[in-house]
């Protein structure tokens, strides 16, 4: 085929690939498109991970191309979506999307108001309504009486997979609409269609470069092999990326980013083959390397060693990697001009991008060089060529490891941080204040300091992350500042953070005391201790297992397990916990009592009063913490320097909906009420002390 014929064939292949890429983008593009976040003025997202549906659209509930998607997490319960309604809902019409799994709906008071809707049983269109005090479900399965229920609220969630809500209509008791949304008109974004078209065209062009030189039979077989990885990624269902994201503990990623990354990695064999074919064009210019080229190559190699001084710790491996081209050149000096000339690009990659991505790309580039010259080398120096190719193949794995260790994944896949620990639990060993308040004269002769510790209910980032002064800790501080005695300044340190419990607090209390120099410690806990029950082992037991495994990693036998590649393979292949298996509280009552003693010992050693509080919850849930409150009261009664404060009086006369955004996180009004109670309680104690630190 002449040059014009080859050019025409390349253009036709690129055009066909672009058409196929656009078609696939229409049908499969949702996995690779960035999802849209929910409108928080319309929906309140109650997320078990606290950040899943807020900071990373797609990790939690989001807007897909044709539906509102409620995701079912691998390690956590699915989000709960609560519509912000002006009145009490009595009737809900729902249409589920074609890809929807089961949807859980709460209409009225639990548990009788809870209904699970299965598309295969109830169909895609269902109606839930309250008639004469009873909840009724209307679907293709007929009319079903659920049970007596009191109109109260509406919540949506997912079970056994992602639920897709295409349309929703909510009405009050008179039939007036409270909410009406149609999520079917989104469609695949123009950017996704454009990217699919461009990618398809590039793949068609690369296949047209590689296959003709091999003949029809061998070319077709190679084409199938090269296309299998990307086609497997494209065929992966959109709902599968979130489970893989959580399986691999990629807590800062969204599912679309993982899908795009997987597609990019799957194209590496095709890209290497295509670039190798382009390199083949240079192998026709065989010959010894001129002096200037040899000197340039040597200077570049030396420059890489100087710029990336970290290589000096692995001089033997670095010497082998640098000397790979020289091995072939020594055996076949006629290939020196091509090998050394093309290999200069590998030094440019390492020099500009470092030992992470640069080293990986440089190694792949060298593979392309030798693949492109395979036909020439098979005739001139077959044995050295095979040796070099074998060494290069072995070098790919260390290059991948280096790329991982020079990327953010180095911390994500740190095996010492992954042993039986949820991603949301990380960072507790180095406690940091989520908010610090200061009032009074900076040069005041007396300074009082308060330390508040607890979970997200104390931290407040979940409810009002952009306004930390709305938390009860800040409200207490502001109320105390309003009546601050003369010559006294006040500092308040809020160490409340999501997923913190008495296990983590008791093991970091000394660090918190050192950082805050507190005169008074307030502990607002309970929910994360007793009601977090997603594992068959308690937090203390899991930490013991983790410590034993971490000790094993410190030995020589743990070297392989410290590799990020090995860690990634372990995460991908490990047996996952059964969410339906029996579980225990993260901090059982006996462990909580032990933790209270540890905290009390630390505060007593510094002559600091300790106040224990049980988190406030909705009325129907508060009984679940009754025994926990008794443990706190017992701890307080056994020590003169520990007090128990019952926070319930702060919320008397107010409805749960006015005080709580969900089962235990306080609203702004709730935070104000608790803040006032605390300031009235701790103010006399705090300002009566004689400390002058």
Foldseek 3Di string as FASTA:
>chain_A
DDPVVLVVQLQVLLQVLLVVLLVLCQVQVQLQDQFAADDCLFKDKAAPLLCQRPPGPQLAWTATQQFTKWWQAQQDGIIKIFTDFPDFWFKKKFFWDPPFAKKWKAFADPDLRIDIDGCVQFNRIKMWGADPQWIWIAGPNGIDTSGGGHGDGMMMHDDPGMTTTQWMWTAHPVRHTRDTDGSGNRGRDPVSSVVSSNVSSVLSSLLSLQQPVPDDPVSVVVNCVLCVQLVVLSPDDSRPQSHLCQLLQVVVHHSSVVSVVSNVVSNLVSVLSSLLSVLLVVQVQWAAADPVLVVVLVVLLVVLCVQQVVCVVVVVVSVCVSCLLVLVCVVPRRRHNSLSVQLSVLSVLCNVPNLAVSNLVSLSSNLSNLSSCVVVCCVPPVVSSVVSNVVSVVVNVVSNLSNCCPDPVLVSLQLLQPQLDRSSPPPLQQFDFLDKDKDDDPPQQFEAEEEEEEECLQQVCSPCVPCSCLFLQNLLVVVCRVVPDPSYMYMYTYRYYHLDALVSCLNCVLVSCVVGVHQAYEYEYFCLFFVPWQAADALVVSVVSSVVVVVVCVDPVNPVVSGSVNSSVCSVPPDRDDRPDGTGGNHDLVNNLVSLVSNVVSCVVVPHAYEYEYFDFAPVCVVSCPVVLVSQCVSQVVDVRYYYDYQVVLCPPHHCVQAAPHGTRGDSSVSNSSSVVVNVVCVVVRVVDDDRD
